N, C-alpha and C. Protein backbone atom coordinates (compact mmCIF):
# COMPACT_ATOMS: atom_id res chain seq x y z
N UNK A 1 0.86 -1.18 0.00
CA UNK A 1 0.00 0.00 0.00
C UNK A 1 0.90 1.23 0.00
N UNK A 2 0.71 2.09 -0.98
CA UNK A 2 1.53 3.30 -1.02
C UNK A 2 1.25 4.22 0.16
N UNK A 3 2.25 5.03 0.46
CA UNK A 3 2.13 5.95 1.59
C UNK A 3 1.05 6.98 1.37
N UNK A 4 0.86 7.44 0.13
CA UNK A 4 -0.05 8.56 -0.13
C UNK A 4 -1.50 8.21 0.12
N UNK A 5 -1.89 6.93 0.04
CA UNK A 5 -3.30 6.56 0.21
C UNK A 5 -3.78 6.85 1.65
N UNK A 6 -3.13 6.33 2.70
CA UNK A 6 -3.59 6.68 4.04
C UNK A 6 -3.40 8.16 4.36
N UNK A 7 -2.36 8.74 3.81
CA UNK A 7 -2.11 10.16 4.05
C UNK A 7 -3.22 11.02 3.45
N UNK A 8 -3.68 10.66 2.26
CA UNK A 8 -4.74 11.45 1.63
C UNK A 8 -6.05 11.34 2.40
N UNK A 9 -6.32 10.18 2.97
CA UNK A 9 -7.53 10.01 3.79
C UNK A 9 -7.42 10.85 5.05
N UNK A 10 -6.27 10.82 5.70
CA UNK A 10 -6.05 11.62 6.90
C UNK A 10 -6.18 13.10 6.58
N UNK A 11 -5.62 13.52 5.47
CA UNK A 11 -5.71 14.91 5.07
C UNK A 11 -7.16 15.31 4.80
N UNK A 12 -7.92 14.45 4.15
CA UNK A 12 -9.33 14.74 3.87
C UNK A 12 -10.13 14.88 5.16
N UNK A 13 -9.88 14.01 6.12
CA UNK A 13 -10.59 14.09 7.41
C UNK A 13 -10.25 15.39 8.12
N UNK A 14 -9.00 15.76 8.10
CA UNK A 14 -8.60 17.02 8.74
C UNK A 14 -9.22 18.23 8.06
N UNK A 15 -9.31 18.19 6.73
CA UNK A 15 -9.92 19.31 6.00
C UNK A 15 -11.40 19.42 6.32
N UNK A 16 -12.10 18.28 6.40
CA UNK A 16 -13.52 18.31 6.76
C UNK A 16 -13.70 18.87 8.16
N UNK A 17 -12.87 18.43 9.09
CA UNK A 17 -12.98 18.92 10.46
C UNK A 17 -12.71 20.42 10.54
N UNK A 18 -11.70 20.88 9.85
CA UNK A 18 -11.30 22.27 9.95
C UNK A 18 -12.27 23.21 9.23
N UNK A 19 -12.66 22.85 8.02
CA UNK A 19 -13.43 23.79 7.21
C UNK A 19 -14.93 23.60 7.27
N UNK A 20 -15.41 22.50 7.79
CA UNK A 20 -16.85 22.30 7.85
C UNK A 20 -17.36 22.14 9.29
N UNK A 21 -16.72 21.28 10.07
CA UNK A 21 -17.24 21.01 11.41
C UNK A 21 -16.86 22.10 12.41
N UNK A 22 -15.68 22.67 12.30
CA UNK A 22 -15.29 23.75 13.21
C UNK A 22 -16.21 24.97 13.07
N UNK A 23 -16.51 25.44 11.85
CA UNK A 23 -17.46 26.56 11.76
C UNK A 23 -18.84 26.23 12.32
N UNK A 24 -19.28 24.99 12.17
CA UNK A 24 -20.57 24.61 12.76
C UNK A 24 -20.51 24.66 14.29
N UNK A 25 -19.40 24.22 14.85
CA UNK A 25 -19.24 24.28 16.30
C UNK A 25 -19.20 25.72 16.79
N UNK A 26 -18.51 26.58 16.07
CA UNK A 26 -18.46 27.99 16.43
C UNK A 26 -19.85 28.62 16.32
N UNK A 27 -20.59 28.26 15.26
CA UNK A 27 -21.94 28.79 15.10
C UNK A 27 -22.85 28.32 16.23
N UNK A 28 -22.66 27.10 16.67
CA UNK A 28 -23.48 26.58 17.78
C UNK A 28 -23.19 27.34 19.07
N UNK A 29 -21.94 27.71 19.27
CA UNK A 29 -21.57 28.42 20.49
C UNK A 29 -21.91 29.90 20.41
N UNK A 30 -21.50 30.55 19.34
CA UNK A 30 -21.64 32.01 19.25
C UNK A 30 -23.02 32.48 18.82
N UNK A 31 -23.68 31.73 17.96
CA UNK A 31 -24.94 32.20 17.39
C UNK A 31 -26.13 31.35 17.81
N UNK A 32 -25.95 30.53 18.81
CA UNK A 32 -27.01 29.67 19.35
C UNK A 32 -27.66 28.80 18.28
N UNK A 33 -26.83 28.22 17.42
CA UNK A 33 -27.32 27.27 16.43
C UNK A 33 -27.85 26.05 17.16
N UNK A 34 -29.06 25.64 16.80
CA UNK A 34 -29.66 24.47 17.43
C UNK A 34 -28.78 23.24 17.19
N UNK A 35 -28.56 22.45 18.22
CA UNK A 35 -27.69 21.29 18.12
C UNK A 35 -28.16 20.27 17.10
N UNK A 36 -29.47 20.05 17.04
CA UNK A 36 -30.01 19.10 16.08
C UNK A 36 -29.76 19.57 14.66
N UNK A 37 -29.95 20.84 14.40
CA UNK A 37 -29.71 21.38 13.08
C UNK A 37 -28.23 21.28 12.71
N UNK A 38 -27.36 21.54 13.66
CA UNK A 38 -25.92 21.42 13.42
C UNK A 38 -25.52 20.01 13.05
N UNK A 39 -26.09 19.03 13.75
CA UNK A 39 -25.77 17.64 13.45
C UNK A 39 -26.29 17.24 12.07
N UNK A 40 -27.50 17.67 11.74
CA UNK A 40 -28.07 17.35 10.43
C UNK A 40 -27.21 17.95 9.32
N UNK A 41 -26.82 19.21 9.45
CA UNK A 41 -25.99 19.85 8.44
C UNK A 41 -24.65 19.14 8.31
N UNK A 42 -24.04 18.76 9.42
CA UNK A 42 -22.75 18.07 9.39
C UNK A 42 -22.87 16.71 8.70
N UNK A 43 -23.91 15.96 9.02
CA UNK A 43 -24.05 14.63 8.42
C UNK A 43 -24.44 14.69 6.96
N UNK A 44 -25.21 15.70 6.57
CA UNK A 44 -25.57 15.82 5.15
C UNK A 44 -24.31 15.95 4.30
N UNK A 45 -23.36 16.77 4.73
CA UNK A 45 -22.10 16.90 3.99
C UNK A 45 -21.39 15.56 3.89
N UNK A 46 -21.27 14.84 4.99
CA UNK A 46 -20.55 13.58 4.98
C UNK A 46 -21.24 12.54 4.10
N UNK A 47 -22.56 12.50 4.14
CA UNK A 47 -23.30 11.55 3.31
C UNK A 47 -23.16 11.88 1.83
N UNK A 48 -23.22 13.15 1.49
CA UNK A 48 -23.07 13.55 0.09
C UNK A 48 -21.67 13.21 -0.43
N UNK A 49 -20.66 13.46 0.35
CA UNK A 49 -19.29 13.13 -0.06
C UNK A 49 -19.12 11.62 -0.21
N UNK A 50 -19.64 10.84 0.72
CA UNK A 50 -19.54 9.38 0.62
C UNK A 50 -20.29 8.87 -0.60
N UNK A 51 -21.47 9.42 -0.86
CA UNK A 51 -22.25 8.99 -2.01
C UNK A 51 -21.55 9.36 -3.32
N UNK A 52 -20.97 10.56 -3.38
CA UNK A 52 -20.28 11.01 -4.59
C UNK A 52 -19.05 10.16 -4.90
N UNK A 53 -18.43 9.61 -3.87
CA UNK A 53 -17.24 8.78 -4.06
C UNK A 53 -17.56 7.29 -4.07
N UNK A 54 -18.84 6.95 -4.14
CA UNK A 54 -19.31 5.56 -4.22
C UNK A 54 -18.80 4.72 -3.04
N UNK A 55 -18.82 5.29 -1.87
CA UNK A 55 -18.36 4.58 -0.68
C UNK A 55 -19.27 3.40 -0.39
N UNK A 56 -18.67 2.26 -0.09
CA UNK A 56 -19.42 1.08 0.29
C UNK A 56 -19.86 0.21 -0.87
N UNK A 57 -19.61 0.66 -2.10
CA UNK A 57 -19.99 -0.16 -3.25
C UNK A 57 -18.97 -1.27 -3.46
N UNK A 58 -19.44 -2.35 -4.00
CA UNK A 58 -18.59 -3.50 -4.25
C UNK A 58 -17.66 -3.22 -5.42
N UNK A 59 -16.39 -3.63 -5.24
CA UNK A 59 -15.41 -3.48 -6.33
C UNK A 59 -15.32 -4.81 -7.07
N UNK A 60 -15.37 -4.74 -8.38
CA UNK A 60 -15.21 -5.91 -9.22
C UNK A 60 -14.04 -5.65 -10.15
N UNK A 61 -13.05 -6.54 -10.12
CA UNK A 61 -11.85 -6.42 -10.94
C UNK A 61 -11.13 -5.10 -10.71
N UNK A 62 -11.12 -4.63 -9.50
CA UNK A 62 -10.40 -3.42 -9.15
C UNK A 62 -11.11 -2.14 -9.51
N UNK A 63 -12.27 -2.23 -10.15
CA UNK A 63 -13.02 -1.03 -10.52
C UNK A 63 -14.28 -0.91 -9.71
N UNK A 64 -14.88 0.22 -9.73
CA UNK A 64 -16.11 0.46 -8.99
C UNK A 64 -17.28 0.36 -9.95
N UNK A 65 -18.27 -0.40 -9.58
CA UNK A 65 -19.46 -0.53 -10.44
C UNK A 65 -20.63 0.16 -9.82
C-alpha cells in the first residue's frame, strides 16, 4: 500500500474537520445554532461526499461498479 493513500484520507478528514465542522461548532456556540440542526448539516455533507465517491460499493476487478 503506497504511503499517499492513508495520508490522503487523513488529510481529507482534517480538512472536513477544519473547514466544515469547526465553523458549525463555532456557530453553535456564538450564534445559538440548534444542536439538532448542526448535526443534520454536518451529516448531510458527509453523506453527500460518501455517495459522490461511491463509498461502500462492491469493487469488481479493481473497478467500482
